[in-house]
PDB file of N, CA and C in Angstrom:
ATOM      1  N   LYS A   1       0.845  -1.192   0.000  1.00  0.00           N
ATOM      2  CA  LYS A   1       0.000   0.000   0.000  1.00  0.00           C
ATOM      3  C   LYS A   1       0.881   1.244   0.000  1.00  0.00           C
ATOM      4  N   SER A   2       0.368   2.269  -0.609  1.00  0.00           N
ATOM      5  CA  SER A   2       1.125   3.512  -0.645  1.00  0.00           C
ATOM      6  C   SER A   2       0.904   4.291   0.656  1.00  0.00           C
ATOM      7  N   MET A   3       1.812   5.194   0.921  1.00  0.00           N
ATOM      8  CA  MET A   3       1.700   6.050   2.098  1.00  0.00           C
ATOM      9  C   MET A   3       0.384   6.829   2.045  1.00  0.00           C
ATOM     10  N   LYS A   4       0.005   7.321   0.880  1.00  0.00           N
ATOM     11  CA  LYS A   4      -1.230   8.088   0.752  1.00  0.00           C
ATOM     12  C   LYS A   4      -2.440   7.232   1.123  1.00  0.00           C
ATOM     13  N   MET A   5      -2.478   5.994   0.653  1.00  0.00           N
ATOM     14  CA  MET A   5      -3.596   5.107   0.976  1.00  0.00           C
ATOM     15  C   MET A   5      -3.684   4.855   2.480  1.00  0.00           C
ATOM     16  N   ILE A   6      -2.541   4.623   3.093  1.00  0.00           N
ATOM     17  CA  ILE A   6      -2.506   4.363   4.534  1.00  0.00           C
ATOM     18  C   ILE A   6      -2.976   5.587   5.310  1.00  0.00           C
ATOM     19  N   LEU A   7      -2.473   6.756   4.940  1.00  0.00           N
ATOM     20  CA  LEU A   7      -2.862   7.978   5.650  1.00  0.00           C
ATOM     21  C   LEU A   7      -4.319   8.336   5.398  1.00  0.00           C
ATOM     22  N   ASP A   8      -4.816   8.124   4.174  1.00  0.00           N
ATOM     23  CA  ASP A   8      -6.234   8.382   3.888  1.00  0.00           C
ATOM     24  C   ASP A   8      -7.131   7.495   4.739  1.00  0.00           C
ATOM     25  N   ARG A   9      -6.755   6.231   4.868  1.00  0.00           N
ATOM     26  CA  ARG A   9      -7.544   5.306   5.691  1.00  0.00           C
ATOM     27  C   ARG A   9      -7.503   5.731   7.162  1.00  0.00           C
ATOM     28  N   TYR A  10      -6.324   6.121   7.626  1.00  0.00           N
ATOM     29  CA  TYR A  10      -6.174   6.596   9.003  1.00  0.00           C
ATOM     30  C   TYR A  10      -7.056   7.825   9.247  1.00  0.00           C
ATOM     31  N   LEU A  11      -7.004   8.791   8.353  1.00  0.00           N
ATOM     32  CA  LEU A  11      -7.796  10.016   8.513  1.00  0.00           C
ATOM     33  C   LEU A  11      -9.287   9.722   8.496  1.00  0.00           C
ATOM     34  N   ASN A  12      -9.724   8.844   7.612  1.00  0.00           N
ATOM     35  CA  ASN A  12     -11.132   8.477   7.531  1.00  0.00           C
ATOM     36  C   ASN A  12     -11.598   7.811   8.820  1.00  0.00           C
ATOM     37  N   THR A  13     -10.814   6.878   9.310  1.00  0.00           N
ATOM     38  CA  THR A  13     -11.154   6.171  10.551  1.00  0.00           C
ATOM     39  C   THR A  13     -11.135   7.122  11.745  1.00  0.00           C
ATOM     40  N   SER A  14     -10.170   8.016  11.784  1.00  0.00           N
ATOM     41  CA  SER A  14     -10.071   8.992  12.880  1.00  0.00           C
ATOM     42  C   SER A  14     -11.289   9.908  12.900  1.00  0.00           C
ATOM     43  N   GLU A  15     -11.727  10.352  11.736  1.00  0.00           N
ATOM     44  CA  GLU A  15     -12.908  11.212  11.661  1.00  0.00           C
ATOM     45  C   GLU A  15     -14.142  10.500  12.183  1.00  0.00           C
ATOM     46  N   LYS A  16     -14.283   9.228  11.846  1.00  0.00           N
ATOM     47  CA  LYS A  16     -15.419   8.440  12.338  1.00  0.00           C
ATOM     48  C   LYS A  16     -15.367   8.321  13.860  1.00  0.00           C
ATOM     49  N   LEU A  17     -14.199   8.034  14.399  1.00  0.00           N
ATOM     50  CA  LEU A  17     -14.050   7.905  15.849  1.00  0.00           C
ATOM     51  C   LEU A  17     -14.383   9.219  16.550  1.00  0.00           C
ATOM     52  N   ILE A  18     -13.904  10.322  16.024  1.00  0.00           N
ATOM     53  CA  ILE A  18     -14.157  11.637  16.616  1.00  0.00           C
ATOM     54  C   ILE A  18     -15.655  11.939  16.631  1.00  0.00           C
ATOM     55  N   LYS A  19     -16.357  11.614  15.552  1.00  0.00           N
ATOM     56  CA  LYS A  19     -17.810  11.852  15.491  1.00  0.00           C
ATOM     57  C   LYS A  19     -18.554  11.038  16.550  1.00  0.00           C
ATOM     58  N   VAL A  20     -18.135   9.796  16.736  1.00  0.00           N
ATOM     59  CA  VAL A  20     -18.793   8.932  17.733  1.00  0.00           C
ATOM     60  C   VAL A  20     -18.493   9.429  19.148  1.00  0.00           C
ATOM     61  N   ILE A  21     -17.247   9.710  19.430  1.00  0.00           N
ATOM     62  CA  ILE A  21     -16.842  10.130  20.773  1.00  0.00           C
ATOM     63  C   ILE A  21     -17.427  11.487  21.135  1.00  0.00           C
ATOM     64  N   ALA A  22     -17.652  12.351  20.167  1.00  0.00           N
ATOM     65  CA  ALA A  22     -18.217  13.679  20.429  1.00  0.00           C
ATOM     66  C   ALA A  22     -19.609  13.586  21.058  1.00  0.00           C
ATOM     67  N   LYS A  23     -20.276  12.462  20.877  1.00  0.00           N
ATOM     68  CA  LYS A  23     -21.616  12.268  21.449  1.00  0.00           C
ATOM     69  C   LYS A  23     -21.574  11.867  22.924  1.00  0.00           C
ATOM     70  N   TRP A  24     -20.394  11.502  23.427  1.00  0.00           N
ATOM     71  CA  TRP A  24     -20.250  11.054  24.809  1.00  0.00           C
ATOM     72  C   TRP A  24     -19.946  12.249  25.703  1.00  0.00           C
ATOM     73  N   ASN A  25     -20.475  12.239  26.929  1.00  0.00           N
ATOM     74  CA  ASN A  25     -20.104  13.287  27.873  1.00  0.00           C
ATOM     75  C   ASN A  25     -18.916  12.810  28.718  1.00  0.00           C
ATOM     76  N   GLU A  26     -18.357  13.728  29.484  1.00  0.00           N
ATOM     77  CA  GLU A  26     -17.155  13.417  30.280  1.00  0.00           C
ATOM     78  C   GLU A  26     -17.375  12.244  31.234  1.00  0.00           C
ATOM     79  N   ALA A  27     -18.512  12.211  31.888  1.00  0.00           N
ATOM     80  CA  ALA A  27     -18.787  11.138  32.859  1.00  0.00           C
ATOM     81  C   ALA A  27     -18.854   9.776  32.166  1.00  0.00           C
ATOM     82  N   GLU A  28     -19.448   9.734  30.990  1.00  0.00           N
ATOM     83  CA  GLU A  28     -19.570   8.459  30.275  1.00  0.00           C
ATOM     84  C   GLU A  28     -18.207   7.891  29.880  1.00  0.00           C
ATOM     85  N   LEU A  29     -17.255   8.758  29.597  1.00  0.00           N
ATOM     86  CA  LEU A  29     -15.919   8.285  29.219  1.00  0.00           C
ATOM     87  C   LEU A  29     -15.253   7.504  30.354  1.00  0.00           C
ATOM     88  N   ASP A  30     -15.607   7.832  31.574  1.00  0.00           N
ATOM     89  CA  ASP A  30     -15.039   7.146  32.742  1.00  0.00           C
ATOM     90  C   ASP A  30     -15.954   6.068  33.302  1.00  0.00           C
ATOM     91  N   GLN A  31     -17.218   6.094  32.909  1.00  0.00           N
ATOM     92  CA  GLN A  31     -18.205   5.163  33.453  1.00  0.00           C
ATOM     93  C   GLN A  31     -18.147   3.796  32.771  1.00  0.00           C
ATOM     94  N   TYR A  32     -17.993   3.776  31.471  1.00  0.00           N
ATOM     95  CA  TYR A  32     -18.058   2.525  30.728  1.00  0.00           C
ATOM     96  C   TYR A  32     -16.696   1.830  30.692  1.00  0.00           C
ATOM     97  N   ILE A  33     -16.725   0.546  30.961  1.00  0.00           N
ATOM     98  CA  ILE A  33     -15.516  -0.275  31.037  1.00  0.00           C
ATOM     99  C   ILE A  33     -15.475  -1.219  29.836  1.00  0.00           C
ATOM    100  N   LEU A  34     -14.296  -1.312  29.235  1.00  0.00           N
ATOM    101  CA  LEU A  34     -14.098  -2.188  28.084  1.00  0.00           C
ATOM    102  C   LEU A  34     -13.044  -3.234  28.416  1.00  0.00           C
ATOM    103  N   PRO A  35     -13.178  -4.439  27.864  1.00  0.00           N
ATOM    104  CA  PRO A  35     -12.129  -5.447  28.063  1.00  0.00           C
ATOM    105  C   PRO A  35     -11.011  -5.232  27.044  1.00  0.00           C
ATOM    106  N   HIS A  36      -9.786  -5.332  27.494  1.00  0.00           N
ATOM    107  CA  HIS A  36      -8.634  -5.282  26.591  1.00  0.00           C
ATOM    108  C   HIS A  36      -7.836  -6.557  26.828  1.00  0.00           C
ATOM    109  N   PRO A  37      -7.397  -7.224  25.762  1.00  0.00           N
ATOM    110  CA  PRO A  37      -6.733  -8.526  25.941  1.00  0.00           C
ATOM    111  C   PRO A  37      -5.448  -8.477  26.773  1.00  0.00           C
ATOM    112  N   LEU A  38      -4.728  -7.359  26.759  1.00  0.00           N
ATOM    113  CA  LEU A  38      -3.491  -7.263  27.531  1.00  0.00           C
ATOM    114  C   LEU A  38      -3.619  -6.368  28.764  1.00  0.00           C
ATOM    115  N   LEU A  39      -4.390  -5.299  28.647  1.00  0.00           N
ATOM    116  CA  LEU A  39      -4.500  -4.326  29.741  1.00  0.00           C
ATOM    117  C   LEU A  39      -5.600  -4.649  30.745  1.00  0.00           C
ATOM    118  N   GLY A  40      -6.450  -5.592  30.411  1.00  0.00           N
ATOM    119  CA  GLY A  40      -7.567  -5.922  31.301  1.00  0.00           C
ATOM    120  C   GLY A  40      -8.723  -4.965  31.088  1.00  0.00           C
ATOM    121  N   LYS A  41      -9.472  -4.705  32.138  1.00  0.00           N
ATOM    122  CA  LYS A  41     -10.627  -3.816  32.049  1.00  0.00           C
ATOM    123  C   LYS A  41     -10.166  -2.367  32.142  1.00  0.00           C
ATOM    124  N   ILE A  42     -10.537  -1.574  31.129  1.00  0.00           N
ATOM    125  CA  ILE A  42     -10.162  -0.156  31.117  1.00  0.00           C
ATOM    126  C   ILE A  42     -11.371   0.683  30.706  1.00  0.00           C
ATOM    127  N   THR A  43     -11.353   1.947  31.105  1.00  0.00           N
ATOM    128  CA  THR A  43     -12.453   2.839  30.756  1.00  0.00           C
ATOM    129  C   THR A  43     -12.347   3.248  29.288  1.00  0.00           C
ATOM    130  N   VAL A  44     -13.434   3.801  28.773  1.00  0.00           N
ATOM    131  CA  VAL A  44     -13.424   4.314  27.404  1.00  0.00           C
ATOM    132  C   VAL A  44     -12.354   5.396  27.271  1.00  0.00           C
ATOM    133  N   ARG A  45     -12.233   6.257  28.263  1.00  0.00           N
ATOM    134  CA  ARG A  45     -11.210   7.310  28.228  1.00  0.00           C
ATOM    135  C   ARG A  45      -9.804   6.704  28.124  1.00  0.00           C
ATOM    136  N   GLU A  46      -9.551   5.674  28.935  1.00  0.00           N
ATOM    137  CA  GLU A  46      -8.240   5.006  28.883  1.00  0.00           C
ATOM    138  C   GLU A  46      -8.015   4.353  27.522  1.00  0.00           C
ATOM    139  N   MET A  47      -9.077   3.765  26.957  1.00  0.00           N
ATOM    140  CA  MET A  47      -8.958   3.147  25.637  1.00  0.00           C
ATOM    141  C   MET A  47      -8.636   4.200  24.583  1.00  0.00           C
ATOM    142  N   LEU A  48      -9.223   5.376  24.709  1.00  0.00           N
ATOM    143  CA  LEU A  48      -8.928   6.451  23.760  1.00  0.00           C
ATOM    144  C   LEU A  48      -7.471   6.889  23.867  1.00  0.00           C
ATOM    145  N   TRP A  49      -6.973   7.055  25.086  1.00  0.00           N
ATOM    146  CA  TRP A  49      -5.565   7.429  25.271  1.00  0.00           C
ATOM    147  C   TRP A  49      -4.647   6.338  24.714  1.00  0.00           C
ATOM    148  N   PHE A  50      -4.987   5.084  24.977  1.00  0.00           N
ATOM    149  CA  PHE A  50      -4.201   3.981  24.439  1.00  0.00           C
ATOM    150  C   PHE A  50      -4.226   4.002  22.909  1.00  0.00           C
ATOM    151  N   THR A  51      -5.396   4.251  22.337  1.00  0.00           N
ATOM    152  CA  THR A  51      -5.543   4.293  20.885  1.00  0.00           C
ATOM    153  C   THR A  51      -4.683   5.400  20.280  1.00  0.00           C
ATOM    154  N   ILE A  52      -4.647   6.552  20.917  1.00  0.00           N
ATOM    155  CA  ILE A  52      -3.808   7.659  20.441  1.00  0.00           C
ATOM    156  C   ILE A  52      -2.342   7.240  20.460  1.00  0.00           C
ATOM    157  N   TYR A  53      -1.896   6.713  21.576  1.00  0.00           N
ATOM    158  CA  TYR A  53      -0.496   6.294  21.715  1.00  0.00           C
ATOM    159  C   TYR A  53      -0.151   5.201  20.701  1.00  0.00           C
ATOM    160  N   HIS A  54      -1.002   4.209  20.599  1.00  0.00           N
ATOM    161  CA  HIS A  54      -0.775   3.067  19.711  1.00  0.00           C
ATOM    162  C   HIS A  54      -0.749   3.514  18.246  1.00  0.00           C
ATOM    163  N   THR A  55      -1.664   4.398  17.885  1.00  0.00           N
ATOM    164  CA  THR A  55      -1.724   4.905  16.517  1.00  0.00           C
ATOM    165  C   THR A  55      -0.474   5.710  16.178  1.00  0.00           C
ATOM    166  N   LYS A  56      -0.022   6.544  17.111  1.00  0.00           N
ATOM    167  CA  LYS A  56       1.203   7.314  16.875  1.00  0.00           C
ATOM    168  C   LYS A  56       2.386   6.377  16.632  1.00  0.00           C
ATOM    169  N   HIS A  57       2.425   5.293  17.366  1.00  0.00           N
ATOM    170  CA  HIS A  57       3.488   4.299  17.186  1.00  0.00           C
ATOM    171  C   HIS A  57       3.451   3.734  15.756  1.00  0.00           C
ATOM    172  N   HIS A  58       2.260   3.356  15.298  1.00  0.00           N
ATOM    173  CA  HIS A  58       2.141   2.783  13.961  1.00  0.00           C
ATOM    174  C   HIS A  58       2.403   3.817  12.867  1.00  0.00           C
ATOM    175  N   LEU A  59       1.948   5.048  13.065  1.00  0.00           N
ATOM    176  CA  LEU A  59       2.225   6.093  12.080  1.00  0.00           C
ATOM    177  C   LEU A  59       3.724   6.345  11.969  1.00  0.00           C
ATOM    178  N   SER A  60       4.404   6.277  13.091  1.00  0.00           N
ATOM    179  CA  SER A  60       5.856   6.429  13.082  1.00  0.00           C
ATOM    180  C   SER A  60       6.504   5.302  12.283  1.00  0.00           C
ATOM    181  N   SER A  61       5.997   4.093  12.435  1.00  0.00           N
ATOM    182  CA  SER A  61       6.511   2.947  11.681  1.00  0.00           C
ATOM    183  C   SER A  61       6.285   3.130  10.184  1.00  0.00           C
ATOM    184  N   VAL A  62       5.096   3.621   9.823  1.00  0.00           N
ATOM    185  CA  VAL A  62       4.787   3.852   8.417  1.00  0.00           C
ATOM    186  C   VAL A  62       5.700   4.927   7.844  1.00  0.00           C
ATOM    187  N   GLN A  63       5.918   5.984   8.594  1.00  0.00           N
ATOM    188  CA  GLN A  63       6.817   7.044   8.132  1.00  0.00           C
ATOM    189  C   GLN A  63       8.228   6.511   7.941  1.00  0.00           C
ATOM    190  N   SER A  64       8.667   5.654   8.832  1.00  0.00           N
ATOM    191  CA  SER A  64       9.997   5.059   8.699  1.00  0.00           C
ATOM    192  C   SER A  64      10.083   4.181   7.461  1.00  0.00           C
ATOM    193  N   MET A  65       9.015   3.459   7.193  1.00  0.00           N
ATOM    194  CA  MET A  65       8.990   2.539   6.066  1.00  0.00           C
ATOM    195  C   MET A  65       8.977   3.289   4.721  1.00  0.00           C
ATOM    196  N   TYR A  66       8.182   4.362   4.666  1.00  0.00           N
ATOM    197  CA  TYR A  66       8.003   5.076   3.409  1.00  0.00           C
ATOM    198  C   TYR A  66       8.813   6.371   3.326  1.00  0.00           C
ATOM    199  N   GLY A  67       9.358   6.795   4.443  1.00  0.00           N
ATOM    200  CA  GLY A  67      10.084   8.074   4.451  1.00  0.00           C
ATOM    201  C   GLY A  67       9.114   9.208   4.671  1.00  0.00           C
ATOM    202  N   ASP A  68       9.573  10.283   5.260  1.00  0.00           N
ATOM    203  CA  ASP A  68       8.711  11.411   5.608  1.00  0.00           C
ATOM    204  C   ASP A  68       8.237  12.211   4.402  1.00  0.00           C
ATOM    205  N   ASN A  69       8.936  12.119   3.287  1.00  0.00           N
ATOM    206  CA  ASN A  69       8.597  12.991   2.173  1.00  0.00           C
ATOM    207  C   ASN A  69       7.908  12.276   1.015  1.00  0.00           C
ATOM    208  N   LYS A  70       7.363  11.116   1.238  1.00  0.00           N
ATOM    209  CA  LYS A  70       6.687  10.395   0.145  1.00  0.00           C
ATOM    210  C   LYS A  70       5.200  10.463   0.297  1.00  0.00           C
TER     211      LYS A  70
END
């Protein structure tokens, strides 16, 4: 896959996530618990922070693979 395809997919998915999360209030982010296979039970807020960190890691890998200017 090209860098553009990967980034377009990332941006599309991120926009969808932002639209869904925008409907949640602050209390709900801490109220609902999700299972994670390695981290155990975590709140939606924690899952969002993990998702940000994890995504940044993968984007960094993609940039390394394709170079920053492609």
